[in-house]
PDB file of all heavy atoms in Angstrom:
ATOM      1  N   LYS A   1       0.821  -1.192   0.024  1.00  0.00           N
ATOM      2  CA  LYS A   1       0.018   0.021  -0.023  1.00  0.00           C
ATOM      3  C   LYS A   1       0.818   1.251  -0.005  1.00  0.00           C
ATOM      4  O   LYS A   1       2.030   1.251   0.350  1.00  0.00           O
ATOM      5  CB  LYS A   1      -0.932   0.024   1.198  1.00  0.00           C
ATOM      6  CG  LYS A   1      -1.923  -1.110   1.242  1.00  0.00           C
ATOM      7  CD  LYS A   1      -2.930  -0.947   2.376  1.00  0.00           C
ATOM      8  CE  LYS A   1      -4.048  -1.995   2.385  1.00  0.00           C
ATOM      9  NZ  LYS A   1      -5.021  -1.773   3.500  1.00  0.00           N
ATOM     10  N   GLU A   2       0.291   2.373  -0.390  1.00  0.00           N
ATOM     11  CA  GLU A   2       0.920   3.667  -0.372  1.00  0.00           C
ATOM     12  C   GLU A   2       0.987   4.199   1.028  1.00  0.00           C
ATOM     13  O   GLU A   2       0.150   3.784   1.881  1.00  0.00           O
ATOM     14  CB  GLU A   2       0.242   4.689  -1.283  1.00  0.00           C
ATOM     15  CG  GLU A   2       0.297   4.326  -2.777  1.00  0.00           C
ATOM     16  CD  GLU A   2      -0.230   5.439  -3.680  1.00  0.00           C
ATOM     17  OE1 GLU A   2      -0.920   6.353  -3.135  1.00  0.00           O
ATOM     18  OE2 GLU A   2      -0.085   5.340  -4.880  1.00  0.00           O
ATOM     19  N   ARG A   3       1.932   5.095   1.259  1.00  0.00           N
ATOM     20  CA  ARG A   3       2.032   5.722   2.605  1.00  0.00           C
ATOM     21  C   ARG A   3       0.832   6.589   2.752  1.00  0.00           C
ATOM     22  O   ARG A   3       0.375   7.374   1.874  1.00  0.00           O
ATOM     23  CB  ARG A   3       3.283   6.578   2.654  1.00  0.00           C
ATOM     24  CG  ARG A   3       3.653   7.041   4.029  1.00  0.00           C
ATOM     25  CD  ARG A   3       5.034   7.621   4.084  1.00  0.00           C
ATOM     26  NE  ARG A   3       6.039   6.658   3.738  1.00  0.00           N
ATOM     27  CZ  ARG A   3       7.399   6.878   3.744  1.00  0.00           C
ATOM     28  NH1 ARG A   3       7.787   8.008   4.184  1.00  0.00           N
ATOM     29  NH2 ARG A   3       8.213   5.879   3.469  1.00  0.00           N
ATOM     30  N   GLU A   4       0.188   6.506   3.954  1.00  0.00           N
ATOM     31  CA  GLU A   4      -1.063   7.239   4.215  1.00  0.00           C
ATOM     32  C   GLU A   4      -0.945   8.086   5.454  1.00  0.00           C
ATOM     33  O   GLU A   4      -0.241   7.738   6.443  1.00  0.00           O
ATOM     34  CB  GLU A   4      -2.191   6.284   4.287  1.00  0.00           C
ATOM     35  CG  GLU A   4      -2.218   5.401   5.501  1.00  0.00           C
ATOM     36  CD  GLU A   4      -3.439   4.498   5.588  1.00  0.00           C
ATOM     37  OE1 GLU A   4      -4.371   4.687   4.840  1.00  0.00           O
ATOM     38  OE2 GLU A   4      -3.525   3.714   6.514  1.00  0.00           O
ATOM     39  N   PHE A   5      -1.721   9.152   5.514  1.00  0.00           N
ATOM     40  CA  PHE A   5      -1.750  10.127   6.614  1.00  0.00           C
ATOM     41  C   PHE A   5      -2.488   9.414   7.773  1.00  0.00           C
ATOM     42  O   PHE A   5      -3.486   8.710   7.592  1.00  0.00           O
ATOM     43  CB  PHE A   5      -2.514  11.359   6.221  1.00  0.00           C
ATOM     44  CG  PHE A   5      -2.850  12.253   7.340  1.00  0.00           C
ATOM     45  CD1 PHE A   5      -1.854  13.063   7.914  1.00  0.00           C
ATOM     46  CD2 PHE A   5      -4.100  12.234   7.882  1.00  0.00           C
ATOM     47  CE1 PHE A   5      -2.194  13.907   8.965  1.00  0.00           C
ATOM     48  CE2 PHE A   5      -4.422  13.079   8.921  1.00  0.00           C
ATOM     49  CZ  PHE A   5      -3.404  13.916   9.422  1.00  0.00           C
ATOM     50  N   VAL A   6      -1.932   9.608   9.005  1.00  0.00           N
ATOM     51  CA  VAL A   6      -2.575   9.066  10.204  1.00  0.00           C
ATOM     52  C   VAL A   6      -3.113  10.151  11.142  1.00  0.00           C
ATOM     53  O   VAL A   6      -4.246  10.222  11.458  1.00  0.00           O
ATOM     54  CB  VAL A   6      -1.608   8.169  10.983  1.00  0.00           C
ATOM     55  CG1 VAL A   6      -2.156   7.721  12.325  1.00  0.00           C
ATOM     56  CG2 VAL A   6      -1.140   6.983  10.143  1.00  0.00           C
ATOM     57  N   ALA A   7      -2.188  11.105  11.443  1.00  0.00           N
ATOM     58  CA  ALA A   7      -2.569  12.170  12.354  1.00  0.00           C
ATOM     59  C   ALA A   7      -1.478  13.287  12.305  1.00  0.00           C
ATOM     60  O   ALA A   7      -0.358  13.047  11.884  1.00  0.00           O
ATOM     61  CB  ALA A   7      -2.680  11.697  13.822  1.00  0.00           C
ATOM     62  N   ALA A   8      -1.891  14.503  12.675  1.00  0.00           N
ATOM     63  CA  ALA A   8      -0.926  15.664  12.678  1.00  0.00           C
ATOM     64  C   ALA A   8      -1.479  16.735  13.648  1.00  0.00           C
ATOM     65  O   ALA A   8      -2.624  16.693  13.972  1.00  0.00           O
ATOM     66  CB  ALA A   8      -0.802  16.256  11.236  1.00  0.00           C
ATOM     67  N   LEU A   9      -0.545  17.548  13.973  1.00  0.00           N
ATOM     68  CA  LEU A   9      -0.860  18.717  14.850  1.00  0.00           C
ATOM     69  C   LEU A   9      -0.063  19.898  14.394  1.00  0.00           C
ATOM     70  O   LEU A   9       0.927  19.811  13.781  1.00  0.00           O
ATOM     71  CB  LEU A   9      -0.671  18.379  16.303  1.00  0.00           C
ATOM     72  CG  LEU A   9       0.686  17.909  16.827  1.00  0.00           C
ATOM     73  CD1 LEU A   9       1.743  18.975  16.831  1.00  0.00           C
ATOM     74  CD2 LEU A   9       0.490  17.348  18.233  1.00  0.00           C
ATOM     75  N   VAL A  10      -0.552  21.131  14.811  1.00  0.00           N
ATOM     76  CA  VAL A  10       0.191  22.314  14.629  1.00  0.00           C
ATOM     77  C   VAL A  10       1.169  22.415  15.785  1.00  0.00           C
ATOM     78  O   VAL A  10       0.712  22.391  16.955  1.00  0.00           O
ATOM     79  CB  VAL A  10      -0.757  23.615  14.571  1.00  0.00           C
ATOM     80  CG1 VAL A  10       0.086  24.886  14.554  1.00  0.00           C
ATOM     81  CG2 VAL A  10      -1.732  23.496  13.444  1.00  0.00           C
ATOM     82  N   TRP A  11       2.460  22.506  15.507  1.00  0.00           N
ATOM     83  CA  TRP A  11       3.442  22.414  16.499  1.00  0.00           C
ATOM     84  C   TRP A  11       3.251  23.470  17.618  1.00  0.00           C
ATOM     85  O   TRP A  11       3.515  23.143  18.819  1.00  0.00           O
ATOM     86  CB  TRP A  11       4.804  22.483  15.973  1.00  0.00           C
ATOM     87  CG  TRP A  11       5.953  22.270  16.933  1.00  0.00           C
ATOM     88  CD1 TRP A  11       6.825  23.231  17.353  1.00  0.00           C
ATOM     89  CD2 TRP A  11       6.248  21.128  17.707  1.00  0.00           C
ATOM     90  NE1 TRP A  11       7.699  22.748  18.297  1.00  0.00           N
ATOM     91  CE2 TRP A  11       7.344  21.390  18.486  1.00  0.00           C
ATOM     92  CE3 TRP A  11       5.688  19.847  17.710  1.00  0.00           C
ATOM     93  CZ2 TRP A  11       7.896  20.489  19.370  1.00  0.00           C
ATOM     94  CZ3 TRP A  11       6.259  18.899  18.566  1.00  0.00           C
ATOM     95  CH2 TRP A  11       7.350  19.196  19.424  1.00  0.00           C
ATOM     96  N   SER A  12       2.854  24.687  17.228  1.00  0.00           N
ATOM     97  CA  SER A  12       2.636  25.755  18.148  1.00  0.00           C
ATOM     98  C   SER A  12       1.444  25.577  19.056  1.00  0.00           C
ATOM     99  O   SER A  12       1.227  26.304  19.959  1.00  0.00           O
ATOM    100  CB  SER A  12       2.643  27.055  17.502  1.00  0.00           C
ATOM    101  OG  SER A  12       1.569  27.189  16.586  1.00  0.00           O
ATOM    102  N   GLY A  13       0.585  24.604  18.647  1.00  0.00           N
ATOM    103  CA  GLY A  13      -0.592  24.302  19.379  1.00  0.00           C
ATOM    104  C   GLY A  13      -1.927  24.698  18.793  1.00  0.00           C
ATOM    105  O   GLY A  13      -1.901  25.527  17.884  1.00  0.00           O
ATOM    106  N   GLY A  14      -3.038  24.125  19.263  1.00  0.00           N
ATOM    107  CA  GLY A  14      -4.350  24.575  18.788  1.00  0.00           C
ATOM    108  C   GLY A  14      -5.160  23.666  17.932  1.00  0.00           C
ATOM    109  O   GLY A  14      -6.366  23.585  18.130  1.00  0.00           O
ATOM    110  N   SER A  15      -4.522  22.932  16.971  1.00  0.00           N
ATOM    111  CA  SER A  15      -5.234  22.136  16.040  1.00  0.00           C
ATOM    112  C   SER A  15      -4.664  20.764  15.930  1.00  0.00           C
ATOM    113  O   SER A  15      -3.413  20.644  15.865  1.00  0.00           O
ATOM    114  CB  SER A  15      -5.267  22.857  14.714  1.00  0.00           C
ATOM    115  OG  SER A  15      -5.903  24.071  14.706  1.00  0.00           O
ATOM    116  N   THR A  16      -5.525  19.820  15.813  1.00  0.00           N
ATOM    117  CA  THR A  16      -5.123  18.389  15.541  1.00  0.00           C
ATOM    118  C   THR A  16      -5.943  17.863  14.372  1.00  0.00           C
ATOM    119  O   THR A  16      -7.060  18.372  14.131  1.00  0.00           O
ATOM    120  CB  THR A  16      -5.307  17.510  16.751  1.00  0.00           C
ATOM    121  OG1 THR A  16      -6.689  17.534  17.164  1.00  0.00           O
ATOM    122  CG2 THR A  16      -4.401  17.960  17.913  1.00  0.00           C
ATOM    123  N   TYR A  17      -5.397  16.891  13.705  1.00  0.00           N
ATOM    124  CA  TYR A  17      -6.055  16.309  12.470  1.00  0.00           C
ATOM    125  C   TYR A  17      -5.850  14.819  12.550  1.00  0.00           C
ATOM    126  O   TYR A  17      -4.797  14.316  12.906  1.00  0.00           O
ATOM    127  CB  TYR A  17      -5.404  16.855  11.203  1.00  0.00           C
ATOM    128  CG  TYR A  17      -5.372  18.341  11.186  1.00  0.00           C
ATOM    129  CD1 TYR A  17      -4.251  19.036  11.735  1.00  0.00           C
ATOM    130  CD2 TYR A  17      -6.443  19.056  10.570  1.00  0.00           C
ATOM    131  CE1 TYR A  17      -4.175  20.414  11.622  1.00  0.00           C
ATOM    132  CE2 TYR A  17      -6.295  20.505  10.576  1.00  0.00           C
ATOM    133  CZ  TYR A  17      -5.244  21.157  11.147  1.00  0.00           C
ATOM    134  OH  TYR A  17      -5.156  22.497  11.085  1.00  0.00           O
ATOM    135  N   TYR A  18      -6.955  14.064  12.191  1.00  0.00           N
ATOM    136  CA  TYR A  18      -6.898  12.559  12.295  1.00  0.00           C
ATOM    137  C   TYR A  18      -7.489  11.996  10.954  1.00  0.00           C
ATOM    138  O   TYR A  18      -8.485  12.506  10.452  1.00  0.00           O
ATOM    139  CB  TYR A  18      -7.657  12.079  13.457  1.00  0.00           C
ATOM    140  CG  TYR A  18      -7.030  12.375  14.782  1.00  0.00           C
ATOM    141  CD1 TYR A  18      -7.472  13.541  15.446  1.00  0.00           C
ATOM    142  CD2 TYR A  18      -6.084  11.555  15.358  1.00  0.00           C
ATOM    143  CE1 TYR A  18      -6.909  13.789  16.666  1.00  0.00           C
ATOM    144  CE2 TYR A  18      -5.479  11.944  16.572  1.00  0.00           C
ATOM    145  CZ  TYR A  18      -5.909  13.027  17.254  1.00  0.00           C
ATOM    146  OH  TYR A  18      -5.442  13.316  18.438  1.00  0.00           O
ATOM    147  N   ALA A  19      -6.990  10.881  10.513  1.00  0.00           N
ATOM    148  CA  ALA A  19      -7.573  10.101   9.475  1.00  0.00           C
ATOM    149  C   ALA A  19      -8.799   9.428  10.005  1.00  0.00           C
ATOM    150  O   ALA A  19      -8.818   9.035  11.202  1.00  0.00           O
ATOM    151  CB  ALA A  19      -6.620   9.095   8.951  1.00  0.00           C
ATOM    152  N   ASP A  20      -9.824   9.240   9.213  1.00  0.00           N
ATOM    153  CA  ASP A  20     -11.053   8.621   9.668  1.00  0.00           C
ATOM    154  C   ASP A  20     -10.883   7.235  10.267  1.00  0.00           C
ATOM    155  O   ASP A  20     -11.554   6.828  11.232  1.00  0.00           O
ATOM    156  CB  ASP A  20     -12.060   8.482   8.495  1.00  0.00           C
ATOM    157  CG  ASP A  20     -12.633   9.845   8.115  1.00  0.00           C
ATOM    158  OD1 ASP A  20     -12.548  10.786   8.927  1.00  0.00           O
ATOM    159  OD2 ASP A  20     -13.165  10.016   7.005  1.00  0.00           O
ATOM    160  N   ARG A  21      -9.898   6.557   9.749  1.00  0.00           N
ATOM    161  CA  ARG A  21      -9.616   5.092  10.207  1.00  0.00           C
ATOM    162  C   ARG A  21      -9.119   5.040  11.643  1.00  0.00           C
ATOM    163  O   ARG A  21      -9.254   3.978  12.293  1.00  0.00           O
ATOM    164  CB  ARG A  21      -8.654   4.438   9.293  1.00  0.00           C
ATOM    165  CG  ARG A  21      -9.241   3.953   7.934  1.00  0.00           C
ATOM    166  CD  ARG A  21      -8.212   3.126   7.178  1.00  0.00           C
ATOM    167  NE  ARG A  21      -8.842   2.554   5.989  1.00  0.00           N
ATOM    168  CZ  ARG A  21      -9.374   1.343   5.986  1.00  0.00           C
ATOM    169  NH1 ARG A  21      -9.424   0.599   7.097  1.00  0.00           N
ATOM    170  NH2 ARG A  21      -9.921   0.899   4.851  1.00  0.00           N
ATOM    171  N   VAL A  22      -8.605   6.118  12.139  1.00  0.00           N
ATOM    172  CA  VAL A  22      -7.957   6.071  13.482  1.00  0.00           C
ATOM    173  C   VAL A  22      -8.679   7.014  14.466  1.00  0.00           C
ATOM    174  O   VAL A  22      -8.384   6.979  15.677  1.00  0.00           O
ATOM    175  CB  VAL A  22      -6.467   6.438  13.436  1.00  0.00           C
ATOM    176  CG1 VAL A  22      -5.755   5.535  12.492  1.00  0.00           C
ATOM    177  CG2 VAL A  22      -6.251   7.871  13.113  1.00  0.00           C
ATOM    178  N   LYS A  23      -9.616   7.875  13.976  1.00  0.00           N
ATOM    179  CA  LYS A  23     -10.268   8.869  14.866  1.00  0.00           C
ATOM    180  C   LYS A  23     -11.003   8.134  15.960  1.00  0.00           C
ATOM    181  O   LYS A  23     -11.759   7.199  15.740  1.00  0.00           O
ATOM    182  CB  LYS A  23     -11.222   9.694  13.978  1.00  0.00           C
ATOM    183  CG  LYS A  23     -11.803  10.944  14.655  1.00  0.00           C
ATOM    184  CD  LYS A  23     -12.621  11.835  13.763  1.00  0.00           C
ATOM    185  CE  LYS A  23     -11.802  12.353  12.664  1.00  0.00           C
ATOM    186  NZ  LYS A  23     -12.592  13.208  11.756  1.00  0.00           N
ATOM    187  N   GLY A  24     -10.831   8.540  17.193  1.00  0.00           N
ATOM    188  CA  GLY A  24     -11.474   7.935  18.306  1.00  0.00           C
ATOM    189  C   GLY A  24     -10.624   6.896  19.027  1.00  0.00           C
ATOM    190  O   GLY A  24     -10.931   6.479  20.082  1.00  0.00           O
ATOM    191  N   ARG A  25      -9.574   6.415  18.279  1.00  0.00           N
ATOM    192  CA  ARG A  25      -8.714   5.384  18.872  1.00  0.00           C
ATOM    193  C   ARG A  25      -7.308   5.903  19.064  1.00  0.00           C
ATOM    194  O   ARG A  25      -6.651   5.473  20.018  1.00  0.00           O
ATOM    195  CB  ARG A  25      -8.640   4.198  17.938  1.00  0.00           C
ATOM    196  CG  ARG A  25      -9.975   3.472  17.671  1.00  0.00           C
ATOM    197  CD  ARG A  25      -9.757   2.164  16.943  1.00  0.00           C
ATOM    198  NE  ARG A  25      -9.237   2.405  15.590  1.00  0.00           N
ATOM    199  CZ  ARG A  25      -8.080   1.920  15.068  1.00  0.00           C
ATOM    200  NH1 ARG A  25      -7.348   1.125  15.881  1.00  0.00           N
ATOM    201  NH2 ARG A  25      -7.722   2.214  13.898  1.00  0.00           N
ATOM    202  N   PHE A  26      -6.886   6.812  18.230  1.00  0.00           N
ATOM    203  CA  PHE A  26      -5.485   7.353  18.360  1.00  0.00           C
ATOM    204  C   PHE A  26      -5.479   8.777  18.832  1.00  0.00           C
ATOM    205  O   PHE A  26      -6.478   9.511  18.555  1.00  0.00           O
ATOM    206  CB  PHE A  26      -4.736   7.303  16.980  1.00  0.00           C
ATOM    207  CG  PHE A  26      -4.430   5.963  16.466  1.00  0.00           C
ATOM    208  CD1 PHE A  26      -4.906   4.799  17.049  1.00  0.00           C
ATOM    209  CD2 PHE A  26      -3.596   5.831  15.333  1.00  0.00           C
ATOM    210  CE1 PHE A  26      -4.570   3.590  16.552  1.00  0.00           C
ATOM    211  CE2 PHE A  26      -3.307   4.637  14.834  1.00  0.00           C
ATOM    212  CZ  PHE A  26      -3.755   3.465  15.386  1.00  0.00           C
ATOM    213  N   THR A  27      -4.505   9.125  19.536  1.00  0.00           N
ATOM    214  CA  THR A  27      -4.363  10.487  20.033  1.00  0.00           C
ATOM    215  C   THR A  27      -2.982  10.987  19.807  1.00  0.00           C
ATOM    216  O   THR A  27      -1.954  10.403  20.235  1.00  0.00           O
ATOM    217  CB  THR A  27      -4.645  10.652  21.524  1.00  0.00           C
ATOM    218  OG1 THR A  27      -6.013  10.125  21.882  1.00  0.00           O
ATOM    219  CG2 THR A  27      -4.550  12.061  22.060  1.00  0.00           C
ATOM    220  N   ILE A  28      -2.826  12.169  19.134  1.00  0.00           N
ATOM    221  CA  ILE A  28      -1.567  12.799  18.861  1.00  0.00           C
ATOM    222  C   ILE A  28      -1.355  13.928  19.871  1.00  0.00           C
ATOM    223  O   ILE A  28      -2.275  14.640  20.162  1.00  0.00           O
ATOM    224  CB  ILE A  28      -1.492  13.294  17.401  1.00  0.00           C
ATOM    225  CG1 ILE A  28      -0.056  13.769  17.058  1.00  0.00           C
ATOM    226  CG2 ILE A  28      -2.477  14.397  17.164  1.00  0.00           C
ATOM    227  CD1 ILE A  28       0.138  14.085  15.651  1.00  0.00           C
ATOM    228  N   SER A  29      -0.109  14.052  20.350  1.00  0.00           N
ATOM    229  CA  SER A  29       0.191  15.040  21.337  1.00  0.00           C
ATOM    230  C   SER A  29       1.674  15.393  21.181  1.00  0.00           C
ATOM    231  O   SER A  29       2.464  14.739  20.486  1.00  0.00           O
ATOM    232  CB  SER A  29      -0.102  14.674  22.703  1.00  0.00           C
ATOM    233  OG  SER A  29       0.648  13.509  23.101  1.00  0.00           O
ATOM    234  N   ARG A  30       2.136  16.484  21.857  1.00  0.00           N
ATOM    235  CA  ARG A  30       3.514  16.808  21.782  1.00  0.00           C
ATOM    236  C   ARG A  30       3.965  17.426  23.134  1.00  0.00           C
ATOM    237  O   ARG A  30       3.144  17.924  23.881  1.00  0.00           O
ATOM    238  CB  ARG A  30       3.857  17.788  20.641  1.00  0.00           C
ATOM    239  CG  ARG A  30       3.824  19.252  20.995  1.00  0.00           C
ATOM    240  CD  ARG A  30       2.451  19.876  21.069  1.00  0.00           C
ATOM    241  NE  ARG A  30       2.507  21.287  20.990  1.00  0.00           N
ATOM    242  CZ  ARG A  30       1.766  22.127  21.699  1.00  0.00           C
ATOM    243  NH1 ARG A  30       0.868  21.650  22.633  1.00  0.00           N
ATOM    244  NH2 ARG A  30       1.824  23.437  21.559  1.00  0.00           N
ATOM    245  N   ASP A  31       5.260  17.371  23.396  1.00  0.00           N
ATOM    246  CA  ASP A  31       5.889  17.957  24.565  1.00  0.00           C
ATOM    247  C   ASP A  31       6.933  18.940  24.015  1.00  0.00           C
ATOM    248  O   ASP A  31       8.001  18.445  23.605  1.00  0.00           O
ATOM    249  CB  ASP A  31       6.464  16.886  25.502  1.00  0.00           C
ATOM    250  CG  ASP A  31       7.070  17.493  26.757  1.00  0.00           C
ATOM    251  OD1 ASP A  31       7.424  18.732  26.783  1.00  0.00           O
ATOM    252  OD2 ASP A  31       7.228  16.784  27.794  1.00  0.00           O
ATOM    253  N   THR A  32       6.664  20.170  24.020  1.00  0.00           N
ATOM    254  CA  THR A  32       7.545  21.159  23.338  1.00  0.00           C
ATOM    255  C   THR A  32       8.854  21.289  24.096  1.00  0.00           C
ATOM    256  O   THR A  32       9.918  21.610  23.502  1.00  0.00           O
ATOM    257  CB  THR A  32       6.816  22.491  23.218  1.00  0.00           C
ATOM    258  OG1 THR A  32       6.409  22.980  24.434  1.00  0.00           O
ATOM    259  CG2 THR A  32       5.690  22.436  22.245  1.00  0.00           C
ATOM    260  N   ALA A  33       8.846  21.076  25.428  1.00  0.00           N
ATOM    261  CA  ALA A  33      10.028  21.220  26.256  1.00  0.00           C
ATOM    262  C   ALA A  33      10.998  20.087  25.843  1.00  0.00           C
ATOM    263  O   ALA A  33      12.198  20.352  25.998  1.00  0.00           O
ATOM    264  CB  ALA A  33       9.684  21.141  27.762  1.00  0.00           C
ATOM    265  N   LYS A  34      10.479  18.944  25.471  1.00  0.00           N
ATOM    266  CA  LYS A  34      11.293  17.849  25.058  1.00  0.00           C
ATOM    267  C   LYS A  34      11.530  17.681  23.560  1.00  0.00           C
ATOM    268  O   LYS A  34      12.179  16.746  23.094  1.00  0.00           O
ATOM    269  CB  LYS A  34      10.744  16.489  25.624  1.00  0.00           C
ATOM    270  CG  LYS A  34      10.798  16.432  27.163  1.00  0.00           C
ATOM    271  CD  LYS A  34      10.198  15.110  27.632  1.00  0.00           C
ATOM    272  CE  LYS A  34      10.276  15.063  29.172  1.00  0.00           C
ATOM    273  NZ  LYS A  34       9.777  13.747  29.647  1.00  0.00           N
ATOM    274  N   ASN A  35      10.836  18.539  22.781  1.00  0.00           N
ATOM    275  CA  ASN A  35      10.835  18.447  21.299  1.00  0.00           C
ATOM    276  C   ASN A  35      10.425  17.047  20.873  1.00  0.00           C
ATOM    277  O   ASN A  35      11.127  16.474  20.039  1.00  0.00           O
ATOM    278  CB  ASN A  35      12.216  18.839  20.738  1.00  0.00           C
ATOM    279  CG  ASN A  35      12.456  20.289  20.838  1.00  0.00           C
ATOM    280  OD1 ASN A  35      11.551  21.124  20.931  1.00  0.00           O
ATOM    281  ND2 ASN A  35      13.738  20.654  20.821  1.00  0.00           N
ATOM    282  N   THR A  36       9.399  16.542  21.454  1.00  0.00           N
ATOM    283  CA  THR A  36       8.937  15.177  21.196  1.00  0.00           C
ATOM    284  C   THR A  36       7.449  15.122  20.834  1.00  0.00           C
ATOM    285  O   THR A  36       6.648  15.800  21.461  1.00  0.00           O
ATOM    286  CB  THR A  36       9.180  14.265  22.472  1.00  0.00           C
ATOM    287  OG1 THR A  36      10.612  14.280  22.749  1.00  0.00           O
ATOM    288  CG2 THR A  36       8.733  12.826  22.164  1.00  0.00           C
ATOM    289  N   LEU A  37       7.174  14.354  19.818  1.00  0.00           N
ATOM    290  CA  LEU A  37       5.812  14.080  19.339  1.00  0.00           C
ATOM    291  C   LEU A  37       5.452  12.709  19.771  1.00  0.00           C
ATOM    292  O   LEU A  37       6.229  11.762  19.682  1.00  0.00           O
ATOM    293  CB  LEU A  37       5.758  14.220  17.822  1.00  0.00           C
ATOM    294  CG  LEU A  37       4.403  14.091  17.160  1.00  0.00           C
ATOM    295  CD1 LEU A  37       3.541  15.265  17.333  1.00  0.00           C
ATOM    296  CD2 LEU A  37       4.639  13.821  15.595  1.00  0.00           C
ATOM    297  N   TYR A  38       4.160  12.518  20.121  1.00  0.00           N
ATOM    298  CA  TYR A  38       3.568  11.205  20.582  1.00  0.00           C
ATOM    299  C   TYR A  38       2.467  10.758  19.747  1.00  0.00           C
ATOM    300  O   TYR A  38       1.677  11.611  19.177  1.00  0.00           O
ATOM    301  CB  TYR A  38       3.290  11.242  22.037  1.00  0.00           C
ATOM    302  CG  TYR A  38       4.374  11.628  22.945  1.00  0.00           C
ATOM    303  CD1 TYR A  38       4.470  12.970  23.462  1.00  0.00           C
ATOM    304  CD2 TYR A  38       5.337  10.674  23.363  1.00  0.00           C
ATOM    305  CE1 TYR A  38       5.484  13.325  24.269  1.00  0.00           C
ATOM    306  CE2 TYR A  38       6.332  11.131  24.211  1.00  0.00           C
ATOM    307  CZ  TYR A  38       6.431  12.381  24.699  1.00  0.00           C
ATOM    308  OH  TYR A  38       7.398  12.786  25.541  1.00  0.00           O
ATOM    309  N   LEU A  39       2.221   9.519  19.682  1.00  0.00           N
ATOM    310  CA  LEU A  39       0.974   8.913  19.095  1.00  0.00           C
ATOM    311  C   LEU A  39       0.584   7.806  20.043  1.00  0.00           C
ATOM    312  O   LEU A  39       1.232   6.728  20.111  1.00  0.00           O
ATOM    313  CB  LEU A  39       1.221   8.399  17.665  1.00  0.00           C
ATOM    314  CG  LEU A  39      -0.039   7.902  16.958  1.00  0.00           C
ATOM    315  CD1 LEU A  39      -0.971   9.061  16.676  1.00  0.00           C
ATOM    316  CD2 LEU A  39       0.271   7.142  15.679  1.00  0.00           C
ATOM    317  N   GLN A  40      -0.539   8.031  20.771  1.00  0.00           N
ATOM    318  CA  GLN A  40      -1.056   6.995  21.714  1.00  0.00           C
ATOM    319  C   GLN A  40      -2.047   6.261  20.874  1.00  0.00           C
ATOM    320  O   GLN A  40      -3.051   6.842  20.323  1.00  0.00           O
ATOM    321  CB  GLN A  40      -1.750   7.684  22.884  1.00  0.00           C
ATOM    322  CG  GLN A  40      -2.434   6.654  23.794  1.00  0.00           C
ATOM    323  CD  GLN A  40      -1.386   5.753  24.468  1.00  0.00           C
ATOM    324  OE1 GLN A  40      -0.389   6.203  24.984  1.00  0.00           O
ATOM    325  NE2 GLN A  40      -1.728   4.460  24.444  1.00  0.00           N
ATOM    326  N   MET A  41      -1.866   4.943  20.677  1.00  0.00           N
ATOM    327  CA  MET A  41      -2.751   4.095  19.910  1.00  0.00           C
ATOM    328  C   MET A  41      -3.452   3.079  20.799  1.00  0.00           C
ATOM    329  O   MET A  41      -2.749   2.251  21.403  1.00  0.00           O
ATOM    330  CB  MET A  41      -1.909   3.409  18.850  1.00  0.00           C
ATOM    331  CG  MET A  41      -1.083   4.283  17.877  1.00  0.00           C
ATOM    332  SD  MET A  41      -0.241   3.416  16.577  1.00  0.00           S
ATOM    333  CE  MET A  41       0.978   2.475  17.606  1.00  0.00           C
ATOM    334  N   ASN A  42      -4.797   3.208  20.804  1.00  0.00           N
ATOM    335  CA  ASN A  42      -5.614   2.231  21.619  1.00  0.00           C
ATOM    336  C   ASN A  42      -6.485   1.465  20.778  1.00  0.00           C
ATOM    337  O   ASN A  42      -6.683   1.820  19.538  1.00  0.00           O
ATOM    338  CB  ASN A  42      -6.413   3.065  22.682  1.00  0.00           C
ATOM    339  CG  ASN A  42      -5.625   3.874  23.647  1.00  0.00           C
ATOM    340  OD1 ASN A  42      -4.560   3.411  24.037  1.00  0.00           O
ATOM    341  ND2 ASN A  42      -6.163   4.986  24.018  1.00  0.00           N
TER     342      ASN A  42
END
């Protein structure tokens, strides 16, 4: 399969985006102090 979008956020904060296939199950977040992006998958 082709590479597909899962989730994204605006690094400065405020907006998140999810693919329909993962909405409600995955959560994207970031820790700006650690310059780290996370994806919690349930």
